[in-house]
Amino acid sequence: MDCIRDGKSFTTRRVKAIQHGRPILNLSASFQVDEPGFDHQRAVPLDVPGPDGIASEGALAQQVADKIPEGIREKILCPKPIEIRPVNPLNPFAPKKMPPLRYAWFRAIDTMPADPAAHQYLLAYASDFGLVGTALYPHGHSYFEPGMQVASLDHAMWFHRAFRMDEWLLYVTESPSAQKARGLNFGHIYTRDGVLVASVAQEGLIRFHG
């Protein structure tokens, strides 16, 4: 880890992860002291139904369990620490063209400790879910399709306001552009009462060997 900057309000660190002697990740992290300031946010979509009564990704996966490749079936069907309930799900084995906009509710399945850092760690992990796939919506393809190569290329995240990962959060993801086997995706994460707590940007590989 490299110390890039230590200021009165902001601190920056850089981390390089190495696996088998080769760098696989570069991380830049900026930290700020808590202070008051101007406050506004992007409004939460008003027409998105709440999480109650929506089937979870796990339940949806069980419905198509026989179609999931055997090599990853257990990984897809096993219990997960985060429950995800997609509002406008796409059947990965029969994809249809849809607008590049995805809504999903999610939360940790158990009560978490009070430490805000633990909630930020888990949200950073969960923020990768569904982003790249949103860029495939308008093209009628899915990551399970033979010949489809999908991977995250870069990922950025900003934490705005306090939240709890063991309470329902709404993830709104959109893809404004796809080109040259890459898809650009943005995400906004809200509490159930409409508070914007984090924003995400990611570019992903969406290469089709058709």
N, C-alpha and C. Protein backbone atom coordinates (compact mmCIF):
# COMPACT_ATOMS: atom_id res chain seq x y z
N MET A 1 0.84 -1.18 0.00
CA MET A 1 0.00 0.00 0.00
C MET A 1 0.88 1.24 0.00
N ASP A 2 0.52 2.22 -0.83
CA ASP A 2 1.26 3.48 -0.91
C ASP A 2 0.43 4.62 -0.34
N CYS A 3 1.06 5.43 0.47
CA CYS A 3 0.42 6.64 1.00
C CYS A 3 0.60 7.75 -0.02
N ILE A 4 -0.48 8.14 -0.70
CA ILE A 4 -0.40 9.16 -1.74
C ILE A 4 -0.54 10.56 -1.16
N ARG A 5 -1.44 10.69 -0.19
CA ARG A 5 -1.69 12.03 0.36
C ARG A 5 -2.31 11.92 1.73
N ASP A 6 -1.86 12.74 2.65
CA ASP A 6 -2.47 12.91 3.96
C ASP A 6 -2.73 14.39 4.17
N GLY A 7 -4.01 14.79 4.10
CA GLY A 7 -4.37 16.18 4.31
C GLY A 7 -5.23 16.34 5.54
N LYS A 8 -5.68 17.55 5.80
CA LYS A 8 -6.51 17.81 6.96
C LYS A 8 -7.92 17.23 6.80
N SER A 9 -8.40 17.16 5.56
CA SER A 9 -9.75 16.66 5.30
C SER A 9 -9.77 15.37 4.50
N PHE A 10 -8.77 15.19 3.62
CA PHE A 10 -8.77 14.04 2.72
C PHE A 10 -7.47 13.25 2.84
N THR A 11 -7.62 11.94 2.70
CA THR A 11 -6.49 11.02 2.69
C THR A 11 -6.64 10.08 1.50
N THR A 12 -5.55 9.79 0.78
CA THR A 12 -5.60 8.92 -0.38
C THR A 12 -4.58 7.81 -0.25
N ARG A 13 -5.02 6.60 -0.59
CA ARG A 13 -4.14 5.43 -0.56
C ARG A 13 -4.23 4.70 -1.89
N ARG A 14 -3.14 4.04 -2.26
CA ARG A 14 -3.11 3.23 -3.47
C ARG A 14 -2.65 1.82 -3.10
N VAL A 15 -3.37 0.83 -3.61
CA VAL A 15 -3.08 -0.57 -3.29
C VAL A 15 -2.91 -1.35 -4.59
N LYS A 16 -1.87 -2.18 -4.66
CA LYS A 16 -1.67 -3.08 -5.79
C LYS A 16 -1.76 -4.51 -5.27
N ALA A 17 -2.67 -5.31 -5.85
CA ALA A 17 -2.81 -6.71 -5.46
C ALA A 17 -2.03 -7.58 -6.45
N ILE A 18 -1.24 -8.51 -5.93
CA ILE A 18 -0.40 -9.37 -6.75
C ILE A 18 -0.77 -10.83 -6.49
N GLN A 19 -0.96 -11.59 -7.55
CA GLN A 19 -1.28 -13.00 -7.45
C GLN A 19 -0.32 -13.79 -8.35
N HIS A 20 0.33 -14.80 -7.76
CA HIS A 20 1.31 -15.60 -8.50
C HIS A 20 2.37 -14.73 -9.17
N GLY A 21 2.77 -13.67 -8.45
CA GLY A 21 3.84 -12.81 -8.93
C GLY A 21 3.43 -11.77 -9.96
N ARG A 22 2.13 -11.70 -10.29
CA ARG A 22 1.66 -10.76 -11.31
C ARG A 22 0.59 -9.84 -10.73
N PRO A 23 0.64 -8.53 -11.04
CA PRO A 23 -0.39 -7.62 -10.55
C PRO A 23 -1.73 -7.91 -11.21
N ILE A 24 -2.78 -7.98 -10.41
CA ILE A 24 -4.13 -8.27 -10.93
C ILE A 24 -5.12 -7.16 -10.60
N LEU A 25 -4.72 -6.20 -9.75
CA LEU A 25 -5.66 -5.15 -9.35
C LEU A 25 -4.89 -3.91 -8.92
N ASN A 26 -5.37 -2.75 -9.36
CA ASN A 26 -4.92 -1.46 -8.85
C ASN A 26 -6.11 -0.75 -8.21
N LEU A 27 -5.96 -0.36 -6.96
CA LEU A 27 -7.03 0.29 -6.22
C LEU A 27 -6.57 1.65 -5.73
N SER A 28 -7.40 2.66 -5.97
CA SER A 28 -7.18 3.98 -5.41
C SER A 28 -8.36 4.32 -4.52
N ALA A 29 -8.09 4.66 -3.27
CA ALA A 29 -9.14 4.93 -2.30
C ALA A 29 -8.93 6.30 -1.67
N SER A 30 -10.01 7.08 -1.59
CA SER A 30 -9.96 8.41 -1.00
C SER A 30 -10.89 8.45 0.20
N PHE A 31 -10.40 8.99 1.32
CA PHE A 31 -11.17 9.06 2.56
C PHE A 31 -11.30 10.53 2.98
N GLN A 32 -12.44 10.85 3.59
CA GLN A 32 -12.71 12.23 4.01
C GLN A 32 -13.27 12.24 5.41
N VAL A 33 -12.90 13.25 6.18
CA VAL A 33 -13.50 13.42 7.49
C VAL A 33 -14.96 13.81 7.31
N ASP A 34 -15.80 13.48 8.28
CA ASP A 34 -17.22 13.82 8.20
C ASP A 34 -17.38 15.31 8.46
N GLU A 35 -18.04 16.01 7.54
CA GLU A 35 -18.24 17.44 7.71
C GLU A 35 -19.53 17.86 7.04
N PRO A 36 -20.15 18.97 7.48
CA PRO A 36 -21.40 19.45 6.87
C PRO A 36 -21.13 20.13 5.54
N GLY A 37 -22.16 20.25 4.70
CA GLY A 37 -22.02 20.93 3.42
C GLY A 37 -23.34 20.94 2.66
N PHE A 38 -23.32 21.49 1.45
CA PHE A 38 -24.53 21.49 0.61
C PHE A 38 -25.00 20.05 0.39
N ASP A 39 -26.29 19.87 0.22
CA ASP A 39 -26.83 18.52 0.12
C ASP A 39 -27.98 18.48 -0.89
N HIS A 40 -27.81 17.67 -1.96
CA HIS A 40 -28.89 17.36 -2.88
C HIS A 40 -28.62 15.97 -3.42
N GLN A 41 -29.60 15.36 -4.07
CA GLN A 41 -29.41 14.03 -4.59
C GLN A 41 -30.30 13.79 -5.80
N ARG A 42 -29.91 12.79 -6.60
CA ARG A 42 -30.74 12.31 -7.70
C ARG A 42 -31.96 11.62 -7.11
N ALA A 43 -33.15 11.96 -7.59
CA ALA A 43 -34.37 11.43 -7.01
C ALA A 43 -34.52 9.94 -7.33
N VAL A 44 -35.06 9.20 -6.39
CA VAL A 44 -35.33 7.78 -6.61
C VAL A 44 -36.51 7.63 -7.57
N PRO A 45 -36.48 6.66 -8.48
CA PRO A 45 -37.64 6.43 -9.36
C PRO A 45 -38.89 6.12 -8.53
N LEU A 46 -39.99 6.75 -8.87
CA LEU A 46 -41.20 6.65 -8.05
C LEU A 46 -42.07 5.45 -8.41
N ASP A 47 -41.86 4.85 -9.58
CA ASP A 47 -42.75 3.80 -10.05
C ASP A 47 -42.19 2.40 -9.81
N VAL A 48 -41.15 2.28 -8.99
CA VAL A 48 -40.56 0.97 -8.73
C VAL A 48 -41.25 0.34 -7.52
N PRO A 49 -41.83 -0.86 -7.66
CA PRO A 49 -42.49 -1.50 -6.52
C PRO A 49 -41.47 -1.88 -5.44
N GLY A 50 -41.95 -1.97 -4.20
CA GLY A 50 -41.09 -2.36 -3.10
C GLY A 50 -40.72 -3.84 -3.16
N PRO A 51 -39.88 -4.29 -2.23
CA PRO A 51 -39.38 -5.67 -2.29
C PRO A 51 -40.38 -6.73 -1.88
N ASP A 52 -41.42 -6.34 -1.16
CA ASP A 52 -42.38 -7.33 -0.66
C ASP A 52 -43.10 -8.04 -1.80
N GLY A 53 -43.08 -9.36 -1.75
CA GLY A 53 -43.78 -10.16 -2.74
C GLY A 53 -43.02 -10.42 -4.02
N ILE A 54 -41.79 -9.89 -4.15
CA ILE A 54 -40.98 -10.12 -5.35
C ILE A 54 -40.09 -11.35 -5.14
N ALA A 55 -40.03 -12.22 -6.12
CA ALA A 55 -39.22 -13.44 -6.00
C ALA A 55 -37.74 -13.10 -6.00
N SER A 56 -36.99 -13.83 -5.19
CA SER A 56 -35.55 -13.62 -5.11
C SER A 56 -34.84 -14.26 -6.30
N GLU A 57 -33.59 -13.85 -6.53
CA GLU A 57 -32.80 -14.48 -7.59
C GLU A 57 -32.63 -15.97 -7.34
N GLY A 58 -32.51 -16.34 -6.07
CA GLY A 58 -32.38 -17.75 -5.74
C GLY A 58 -33.60 -18.55 -6.15
N ALA A 59 -34.79 -18.00 -5.88
CA ALA A 59 -36.02 -18.68 -6.27
C ALA A 59 -36.16 -18.75 -7.78
N LEU A 60 -35.76 -17.69 -8.47
CA LEU A 60 -35.83 -17.69 -9.93
C LEU A 60 -34.84 -18.71 -10.52
N ALA A 61 -33.67 -18.83 -9.89
CA ALA A 61 -32.67 -19.79 -10.37
C ALA A 61 -33.16 -21.22 -10.21
N GLN A 62 -33.90 -21.49 -9.13
CA GLN A 62 -34.43 -22.83 -8.91
C GLN A 62 -35.40 -23.23 -10.03
N GLN A 63 -36.10 -22.25 -10.59
CA GLN A 63 -37.07 -22.53 -11.64
C GLN A 63 -36.40 -22.99 -12.95
N VAL A 64 -35.13 -22.62 -13.13
CA VAL A 64 -34.41 -23.01 -14.36
C VAL A 64 -33.16 -23.82 -14.01
N ALA A 65 -33.19 -24.50 -12.86
CA ALA A 65 -32.01 -25.23 -12.37
C ALA A 65 -31.49 -26.24 -13.38
N ASP A 66 -32.41 -26.90 -14.10
CA ASP A 66 -31.99 -27.93 -15.05
C ASP A 66 -31.26 -27.36 -16.26
N LYS A 67 -31.37 -26.07 -16.50
CA LYS A 67 -30.70 -25.43 -17.63
C LYS A 67 -29.34 -24.84 -17.27
N ILE A 68 -29.05 -24.70 -15.97
CA ILE A 68 -27.77 -24.13 -15.54
C ILE A 68 -26.67 -25.15 -15.80
N PRO A 69 -25.57 -24.74 -16.44
CA PRO A 69 -24.47 -25.68 -16.69
C PRO A 69 -24.02 -26.37 -15.41
N GLU A 70 -23.77 -27.66 -15.50
CA GLU A 70 -23.45 -28.45 -14.31
C GLU A 70 -22.23 -27.92 -13.57
N GLY A 71 -21.28 -27.38 -14.30
CA GLY A 71 -20.04 -26.91 -13.67
C GLY A 71 -20.23 -25.75 -12.73
N ILE A 72 -21.30 -24.94 -12.92
CA ILE A 72 -21.54 -23.79 -12.05
C ILE A 72 -22.88 -23.87 -11.33
N ARG A 73 -23.59 -25.00 -11.49
CA ARG A 73 -24.94 -25.10 -10.92
C ARG A 73 -24.93 -24.93 -9.40
N GLU A 74 -24.01 -25.60 -8.72
CA GLU A 74 -23.97 -25.51 -7.26
C GLU A 74 -23.65 -24.09 -6.80
N LYS A 75 -22.77 -23.42 -7.53
CA LYS A 75 -22.41 -22.04 -7.19
C LYS A 75 -23.60 -21.11 -7.33
N ILE A 76 -24.44 -21.33 -8.34
CA ILE A 76 -25.60 -20.48 -8.57
C ILE A 76 -26.71 -20.77 -7.56
N LEU A 77 -26.90 -22.04 -7.21
CA LEU A 77 -28.05 -22.43 -6.38
C LEU A 77 -27.77 -22.43 -4.88
N CYS A 78 -26.51 -22.35 -4.47
CA CYS A 78 -26.19 -22.42 -3.04
C CYS A 78 -26.69 -21.18 -2.31
N PRO A 79 -26.92 -21.27 -0.99
CA PRO A 79 -27.36 -20.10 -0.21
C PRO A 79 -26.34 -18.97 -0.31
N LYS A 80 -26.83 -17.73 -0.38
CA LYS A 80 -25.98 -16.55 -0.53
C LYS A 80 -26.12 -15.65 0.70
N PRO A 81 -25.06 -14.89 1.05
CA PRO A 81 -25.15 -13.97 2.19
C PRO A 81 -25.98 -12.73 1.91
N ILE A 82 -26.26 -12.48 0.63
CA ILE A 82 -27.06 -11.32 0.23
C ILE A 82 -28.25 -11.80 -0.58
N GLU A 83 -29.44 -11.38 -0.18
CA GLU A 83 -30.65 -11.72 -0.94
C GLU A 83 -30.92 -10.62 -1.96
N ILE A 84 -31.14 -11.01 -3.20
CA ILE A 84 -31.43 -10.07 -4.27
C ILE A 84 -32.80 -10.38 -4.85
N ARG A 85 -33.63 -9.34 -4.98
CA ARG A 85 -34.95 -9.49 -5.56
C ARG A 85 -35.07 -8.58 -6.78
N PRO A 86 -34.83 -9.10 -7.98
CA PRO A 86 -34.92 -8.26 -9.19
C PRO A 86 -36.35 -7.86 -9.51
N VAL A 87 -36.55 -6.58 -9.78
CA VAL A 87 -37.88 -6.07 -10.08
C VAL A 87 -38.26 -6.40 -11.52
N ASN A 88 -37.33 -6.27 -12.45
CA ASN A 88 -37.58 -6.57 -13.87
C ASN A 88 -36.57 -7.62 -14.33
N PRO A 89 -36.72 -8.87 -13.87
CA PRO A 89 -35.72 -9.90 -14.18
C PRO A 89 -35.71 -10.29 -15.64
N LEU A 90 -34.55 -10.75 -16.08
CA LEU A 90 -34.37 -11.27 -17.43
C LEU A 90 -34.08 -12.76 -17.34
N ASN A 91 -34.79 -13.56 -18.10
CA ASN A 91 -34.51 -14.99 -18.13
C ASN A 91 -33.22 -15.21 -18.91
N PRO A 92 -32.12 -15.63 -18.25
CA PRO A 92 -30.85 -15.73 -18.96
C PRO A 92 -30.82 -16.80 -20.03
N PHE A 93 -31.80 -17.72 -20.01
CA PHE A 93 -31.83 -18.79 -21.00
C PHE A 93 -32.84 -18.52 -22.13
N ALA A 94 -33.58 -17.44 -22.00
CA ALA A 94 -34.49 -17.00 -23.06
C ALA A 94 -34.56 -15.47 -23.03
N PRO A 95 -33.43 -14.81 -23.24
CA PRO A 95 -33.40 -13.35 -23.11
C PRO A 95 -34.19 -12.66 -24.21
N LYS A 96 -34.86 -11.58 -23.83
CA LYS A 96 -35.58 -10.74 -24.77
C LYS A 96 -35.00 -9.33 -24.69
N LYS A 97 -35.11 -8.60 -25.78
CA LYS A 97 -34.59 -7.24 -25.80
C LYS A 97 -35.41 -6.37 -24.83
N MET A 98 -34.68 -5.65 -23.99
CA MET A 98 -35.29 -4.78 -22.99
C MET A 98 -34.50 -3.48 -22.93
N PRO A 99 -35.10 -2.40 -22.43
CA PRO A 99 -34.33 -1.17 -22.23
C PRO A 99 -33.16 -1.45 -21.27
N PRO A 100 -32.03 -0.76 -21.43
CA PRO A 100 -30.86 -1.00 -20.58
C PRO A 100 -31.01 -0.37 -19.19
N LEU A 101 -32.02 -0.82 -18.47
CA LEU A 101 -32.33 -0.28 -17.15
C LEU A 101 -32.77 -1.44 -16.26
N ARG A 102 -32.14 -1.58 -15.11
CA ARG A 102 -32.42 -2.71 -14.22
C ARG A 102 -32.68 -2.19 -12.80
N TYR A 103 -33.70 -2.77 -12.16
CA TYR A 103 -34.02 -2.45 -10.76
C TYR A 103 -33.92 -3.73 -9.94
N ALA A 104 -33.29 -3.64 -8.79
CA ALA A 104 -33.21 -4.81 -7.91
C ALA A 104 -33.10 -4.36 -6.46
N TRP A 105 -33.86 -5.02 -5.60
CA TRP A 105 -33.73 -4.82 -4.15
C TRP A 105 -32.75 -5.84 -3.59
N PHE A 106 -31.97 -5.45 -2.59
CA PHE A 106 -31.08 -6.42 -1.97
C PHE A 106 -30.79 -6.02 -0.52
N ARG A 107 -30.39 -7.02 0.27
CA ARG A 107 -29.99 -6.79 1.65
C ARG A 107 -29.25 -8.03 2.16
N ALA A 108 -28.46 -7.85 3.20
CA ALA A 108 -27.81 -8.98 3.86
C ALA A 108 -28.87 -9.84 4.53
N ILE A 109 -28.64 -11.15 4.58
CA ILE A 109 -29.66 -12.05 5.09
C ILE A 109 -29.70 -12.08 6.61
N ASP A 110 -28.64 -11.58 7.28
CA ASP A 110 -28.60 -11.57 8.74
C ASP A 110 -28.30 -10.17 9.25
N THR A 111 -28.59 -9.95 10.53
CA THR A 111 -28.28 -8.67 11.16
C THR A 111 -26.77 -8.46 11.22
N MET A 112 -26.32 -7.27 10.87
CA MET A 112 -24.90 -6.97 10.84
C MET A 112 -24.49 -6.10 12.02
N PRO A 113 -23.21 -6.06 12.35
CA PRO A 113 -22.73 -5.21 13.45
C PRO A 113 -22.94 -3.74 13.14
N ALA A 114 -22.81 -2.90 14.17
CA ALA A 114 -23.09 -1.47 14.02
C ALA A 114 -22.01 -0.73 13.25
N ASP A 115 -20.80 -1.26 13.16
CA ASP A 115 -19.68 -0.57 12.52
C ASP A 115 -20.04 -0.20 11.08
N PRO A 116 -20.08 1.11 10.74
CA PRO A 116 -20.44 1.51 9.37
C PRO A 116 -19.48 0.95 8.31
N ALA A 117 -18.23 0.73 8.67
CA ALA A 117 -17.26 0.21 7.70
C ALA A 117 -17.66 -1.17 7.21
N ALA A 118 -18.22 -2.00 8.08
CA ALA A 118 -18.64 -3.34 7.68
C ALA A 118 -19.73 -3.27 6.62
N HIS A 119 -20.64 -2.31 6.75
CA HIS A 119 -21.71 -2.14 5.78
C HIS A 119 -21.16 -1.62 4.45
N GLN A 120 -20.16 -0.75 4.51
CA GLN A 120 -19.54 -0.26 3.29
C GLN A 120 -18.78 -1.37 2.57
N TYR A 121 -18.07 -2.22 3.33
CA TYR A 121 -17.36 -3.34 2.71
C TYR A 121 -18.32 -4.23 1.92
N LEU A 122 -19.44 -4.57 2.56
CA LEU A 122 -20.37 -5.50 1.92
C LEU A 122 -21.09 -4.85 0.74
N LEU A 123 -21.38 -3.55 0.85
CA LEU A 123 -22.02 -2.87 -0.27
C LEU A 123 -21.06 -2.79 -1.47
N ALA A 124 -19.79 -2.56 -1.21
CA ALA A 124 -18.81 -2.54 -2.30
C ALA A 124 -18.79 -3.88 -3.02
N TYR A 125 -18.88 -4.97 -2.25
CA TYR A 125 -18.93 -6.31 -2.84
C TYR A 125 -20.20 -6.49 -3.68
N ALA A 126 -21.34 -6.07 -3.12
CA ALA A 126 -22.62 -6.26 -3.79
C ALA A 126 -22.79 -5.35 -5.00
N SER A 127 -22.06 -4.24 -5.04
CA SER A 127 -22.26 -3.27 -6.11
C SER A 127 -21.87 -3.81 -7.48
N ASP A 128 -21.16 -4.92 -7.55
CA ASP A 128 -20.77 -5.52 -8.82
C ASP A 128 -21.89 -6.35 -9.44
N PHE A 129 -22.88 -6.72 -8.63
CA PHE A 129 -23.94 -7.61 -9.09
C PHE A 129 -24.82 -6.94 -10.15
N GLY A 130 -24.93 -7.55 -11.31
CA GLY A 130 -25.88 -7.11 -12.32
C GLY A 130 -25.44 -5.96 -13.20
N LEU A 131 -24.31 -5.33 -12.90
CA LEU A 131 -23.93 -4.14 -13.66
C LEU A 131 -23.64 -4.46 -15.12
N VAL A 132 -22.72 -5.37 -15.37
CA VAL A 132 -22.35 -5.67 -16.75
C VAL A 132 -23.54 -6.21 -17.53
N GLY A 133 -24.35 -7.03 -16.89
CA GLY A 133 -25.50 -7.62 -17.56
C GLY A 133 -26.49 -6.59 -18.07
N THR A 134 -26.54 -5.41 -17.42
CA THR A 134 -27.46 -4.36 -17.87
C THR A 134 -27.15 -3.92 -19.29
N ALA A 135 -25.88 -3.94 -19.67
CA ALA A 135 -25.48 -3.53 -21.02
C ALA A 135 -25.93 -4.53 -22.08
N LEU A 136 -26.31 -5.73 -21.67
CA LEU A 136 -26.79 -6.75 -22.61
C LEU A 136 -28.30 -6.68 -22.84
N TYR A 137 -29.02 -5.99 -21.97
CA TYR A 137 -30.48 -5.95 -22.05
C TYR A 137 -31.00 -5.55 -23.43
N PRO A 138 -30.51 -4.45 -24.03
CA PRO A 138 -31.12 -4.04 -25.30
C PRO A 138 -30.73 -4.90 -26.49
N HIS A 139 -29.84 -5.87 -26.28
CA HIS A 139 -29.36 -6.69 -27.37
C HIS A 139 -29.92 -8.12 -27.36
N GLY A 140 -30.70 -8.45 -26.33
CA GLY A 140 -31.31 -9.76 -26.26
C GLY A 140 -30.33 -10.89 -26.03
N HIS A 141 -29.27 -10.60 -25.28
CA HIS A 141 -28.28 -11.62 -24.94
C HIS A 141 -28.12 -11.68 -23.43
N SER A 142 -27.51 -12.77 -22.94
CA SER A 142 -27.26 -12.92 -21.52
C SER A 142 -25.89 -13.56 -21.30
N TYR A 143 -25.40 -13.45 -20.06
CA TYR A 143 -24.08 -13.97 -19.72
C TYR A 143 -24.03 -15.50 -19.74
N PHE A 144 -25.19 -16.19 -19.70
CA PHE A 144 -25.22 -17.66 -19.74
C PHE A 144 -25.19 -18.20 -21.17
N GLU A 145 -25.31 -17.32 -22.14
CA GLU A 145 -25.40 -17.74 -23.53
C GLU A 145 -24.06 -18.29 -24.02
N PRO A 146 -24.06 -19.43 -24.71
CA PRO A 146 -22.81 -19.96 -25.27
C PRO A 146 -22.16 -18.93 -26.20
N GLY A 147 -20.87 -18.75 -26.04
CA GLY A 147 -20.15 -17.79 -26.86
C GLY A 147 -20.07 -16.40 -26.28
N MET A 148 -20.75 -16.15 -25.15
CA MET A 148 -20.72 -14.83 -24.54
C MET A 148 -19.59 -14.75 -23.51
N GLN A 149 -18.74 -13.76 -23.63
CA GLN A 149 -17.64 -13.52 -22.69
C GLN A 149 -17.91 -12.21 -21.97
N VAL A 150 -18.12 -12.27 -20.67
CA VAL A 150 -18.49 -11.11 -19.87
C VAL A 150 -17.54 -10.99 -18.69
N ALA A 151 -17.03 -9.78 -18.44
CA ALA A 151 -16.13 -9.56 -17.31
C ALA A 151 -16.08 -8.07 -16.99
N SER A 152 -15.85 -7.76 -15.73
CA SER A 152 -15.66 -6.37 -15.30
C SER A 152 -14.25 -5.92 -15.66
N LEU A 153 -14.14 -4.72 -16.26
CA LEU A 153 -12.83 -4.17 -16.62
C LEU A 153 -12.36 -3.14 -15.60
N ASP A 154 -13.26 -2.30 -15.15
CA ASP A 154 -12.91 -1.34 -14.10
C ASP A 154 -14.17 -0.99 -13.31
N HIS A 155 -13.98 -0.49 -12.11
CA HIS A 155 -15.11 -0.30 -11.19
C HIS A 155 -14.78 0.88 -10.27
N ALA A 156 -15.70 1.82 -10.17
CA ALA A 156 -15.54 2.97 -9.28
C ALA A 156 -16.78 3.11 -8.42
N MET A 157 -16.60 3.59 -7.18
CA MET A 157 -17.73 3.68 -6.26
C MET A 157 -17.55 4.89 -5.34
N TRP A 158 -18.68 5.56 -5.05
CA TRP A 158 -18.68 6.70 -4.16
C TRP A 158 -19.75 6.47 -3.08
N PHE A 159 -19.37 6.62 -1.83
CA PHE A 159 -20.32 6.52 -0.72
C PHE A 159 -20.78 7.93 -0.35
N HIS A 160 -22.10 8.11 -0.29
CA HIS A 160 -22.65 9.44 -0.04
C HIS A 160 -23.20 9.63 1.38
N ARG A 161 -24.02 8.68 1.81
CA ARG A 161 -24.74 8.85 3.07
C ARG A 161 -24.80 7.54 3.83
N ALA A 162 -25.17 7.62 5.11
CA ALA A 162 -25.21 6.44 5.96
C ALA A 162 -26.31 5.47 5.52
N PHE A 163 -26.09 4.18 5.75
CA PHE A 163 -27.05 3.14 5.39
C PHE A 163 -26.72 1.89 6.18
N ARG A 164 -27.60 0.92 6.08
CA ARG A 164 -27.37 -0.41 6.66
C ARG A 164 -27.59 -1.46 5.58
N MET A 165 -26.66 -2.39 5.49
CA MET A 165 -26.77 -3.46 4.50
C MET A 165 -27.79 -4.52 4.90
N ASP A 166 -28.22 -4.55 6.15
CA ASP A 166 -29.22 -5.52 6.57
C ASP A 166 -30.63 -4.94 6.47
N GLU A 167 -30.77 -3.81 5.80
CA GLU A 167 -32.07 -3.23 5.47
C GLU A 167 -32.16 -3.13 3.94
N TRP A 168 -33.37 -3.17 3.41
CA TRP A 168 -33.53 -3.20 1.95
C TRP A 168 -32.94 -1.97 1.28
N LEU A 169 -32.19 -2.21 0.20
CA LEU A 169 -31.62 -1.16 -0.64
C LEU A 169 -32.06 -1.40 -2.07
N LEU A 170 -32.34 -0.33 -2.80
CA LEU A 170 -32.73 -0.43 -4.20
C LEU A 170 -31.54 -0.07 -5.08
N TYR A 171 -31.19 -0.98 -6.00
CA TYR A 171 -30.09 -0.76 -6.92
C TYR A 171 -30.67 -0.46 -8.31
N VAL A 172 -30.46 0.76 -8.77
CA VAL A 172 -30.91 1.19 -10.10
C VAL A 172 -29.68 1.23 -11.00
N THR A 173 -29.64 0.37 -12.01
CA THR A 173 -28.49 0.34 -12.92
C THR A 173 -28.94 0.65 -14.34
N GLU A 174 -28.10 1.36 -15.07
CA GLU A 174 -28.41 1.74 -16.44
C GLU A 174 -27.14 1.70 -17.28
N SER A 175 -27.31 1.44 -18.56
CA SER A 175 -26.18 1.39 -19.48
C SER A 175 -26.41 2.40 -20.60
N PRO A 176 -25.70 3.54 -20.58
CA PRO A 176 -25.91 4.55 -21.61
C PRO A 176 -25.22 4.24 -22.93
N SER A 177 -24.26 3.28 -22.92
CA SER A 177 -23.52 3.03 -24.16
C SER A 177 -22.90 1.64 -24.14
N ALA A 178 -22.88 1.01 -25.32
CA ALA A 178 -22.12 -0.22 -25.55
C ALA A 178 -21.48 -0.12 -26.92
N GLN A 179 -20.21 -0.47 -27.02
CA GLN A 179 -19.48 -0.34 -28.27
C GLN A 179 -18.15 -1.09 -28.16
N LYS A 180 -17.66 -1.62 -29.30
CA LYS A 180 -16.34 -2.24 -29.36
C LYS A 180 -16.13 -3.31 -28.29
N ALA A 181 -17.17 -4.13 -28.05
CA ALA A 181 -17.14 -5.23 -27.08
C ALA A 181 -17.04 -4.74 -25.64
N ARG A 182 -17.42 -3.47 -25.40
CA ARG A 182 -17.43 -2.93 -24.04
C ARG A 182 -18.78 -2.30 -23.75
N GLY A 183 -19.23 -2.43 -22.49
CA GLY A 183 -20.47 -1.82 -22.07
C GLY A 183 -20.22 -0.92 -20.87
N LEU A 184 -20.71 0.32 -20.93
CA LEU A 184 -20.58 1.27 -19.83
C LEU A 184 -21.85 1.23 -19.00
N ASN A 185 -21.69 1.17 -17.68
CA ASN A 185 -22.83 1.03 -16.78
C ASN A 185 -22.69 1.97 -15.58
N PHE A 186 -23.81 2.53 -15.16
CA PHE A 186 -23.86 3.36 -13.97
C PHE A 186 -24.90 2.79 -13.01
N GLY A 187 -24.66 2.97 -11.73
CA GLY A 187 -25.60 2.48 -10.72
C GLY A 187 -25.83 3.51 -9.63
N HIS A 188 -27.05 3.52 -9.10
CA HIS A 188 -27.41 4.39 -7.97
C HIS A 188 -28.12 3.53 -6.94
N ILE A 189 -27.72 3.65 -5.69
CA ILE A 189 -28.24 2.79 -4.62
C ILE A 189 -28.98 3.64 -3.60
N TYR A 190 -30.23 3.26 -3.33
CA TYR A 190 -31.11 4.04 -2.45
C TYR A 190 -31.60 3.19 -1.28
N THR A 191 -31.89 3.86 -0.16
CA THR A 191 -32.60 3.19 0.93
C THR A 191 -34.06 3.05 0.53
N ARG A 192 -34.81 2.32 1.33
CA ARG A 192 -36.22 2.08 1.02
C ARG A 192 -37.03 3.37 1.06
N ASP A 193 -36.58 4.37 1.84
CA ASP A 193 -37.30 5.64 1.88
C ASP A 193 -36.71 6.68 0.92
N GLY A 194 -35.89 6.24 -0.05
CA GLY A 194 -35.48 7.11 -1.13
C GLY A 194 -34.22 7.92 -0.95
N VAL A 195 -33.40 7.57 0.03
CA VAL A 195 -32.15 8.30 0.26
C VAL A 195 -31.04 7.68 -0.59
N LEU A 196 -30.37 8.50 -1.40
CA LEU A 196 -29.27 8.02 -2.24
C LEU A 196 -28.03 7.83 -1.37
N VAL A 197 -27.54 6.59 -1.26
CA VAL A 197 -26.43 6.31 -0.35
C VAL A 197 -25.12 6.05 -1.08
N ALA A 198 -25.16 5.66 -2.36
CA ALA A 198 -23.93 5.37 -3.09
C ALA A 198 -24.18 5.42 -4.59
N SER A 199 -23.12 5.68 -5.34
CA SER A 199 -23.16 5.66 -6.80
C SER A 199 -22.01 4.82 -7.32
N VAL A 200 -22.22 4.20 -8.49
CA VAL A 200 -21.26 3.25 -9.03
C VAL A 200 -21.08 3.51 -10.53
N ALA A 201 -19.88 3.31 -11.04
CA ALA A 201 -19.62 3.33 -12.47
C ALA A 201 -18.74 2.14 -12.82
N GLN A 202 -19.04 1.50 -13.93
CA GLN A 202 -18.26 0.32 -14.31
C GLN A 202 -18.28 0.15 -15.83
N GLU A 203 -17.13 -0.23 -16.37
CA GLU A 203 -17.07 -0.64 -17.77
C GLU A 203 -16.77 -2.13 -17.80
N GLY A 204 -17.47 -2.86 -18.65
CA GLY A 204 -17.30 -4.30 -18.68
C GLY A 204 -17.10 -4.82 -20.09
N LEU A 205 -16.46 -5.96 -20.19
CA LEU A 205 -16.30 -6.66 -21.45
C LEU A 205 -17.58 -7.41 -21.78
N ILE A 206 -18.13 -7.21 -22.97
CA ILE A 206 -19.32 -7.96 -23.42
C ILE A 206 -19.02 -8.46 -24.84
N ARG A 207 -18.19 -9.44 -24.93
CA ARG A 207 -17.73 -9.98 -26.22
C ARG A 207 -18.54 -11.23 -26.58
N PHE A 208 -19.09 -11.23 -27.80
CA PHE A 208 -19.89 -12.36 -28.24
C PHE A 208 -19.16 -13.09 -29.35
N HIS A 209 -18.85 -14.36 -29.11
CA HIS A 209 -18.20 -15.20 -30.11
C HIS A 209 -19.28 -16.01 -30.83
N GLY A 210 -20.08 -15.32 -31.60
CA GLY A 210 -21.22 -15.96 -32.24
C GLY A 210 -20.87 -16.50 -33.63
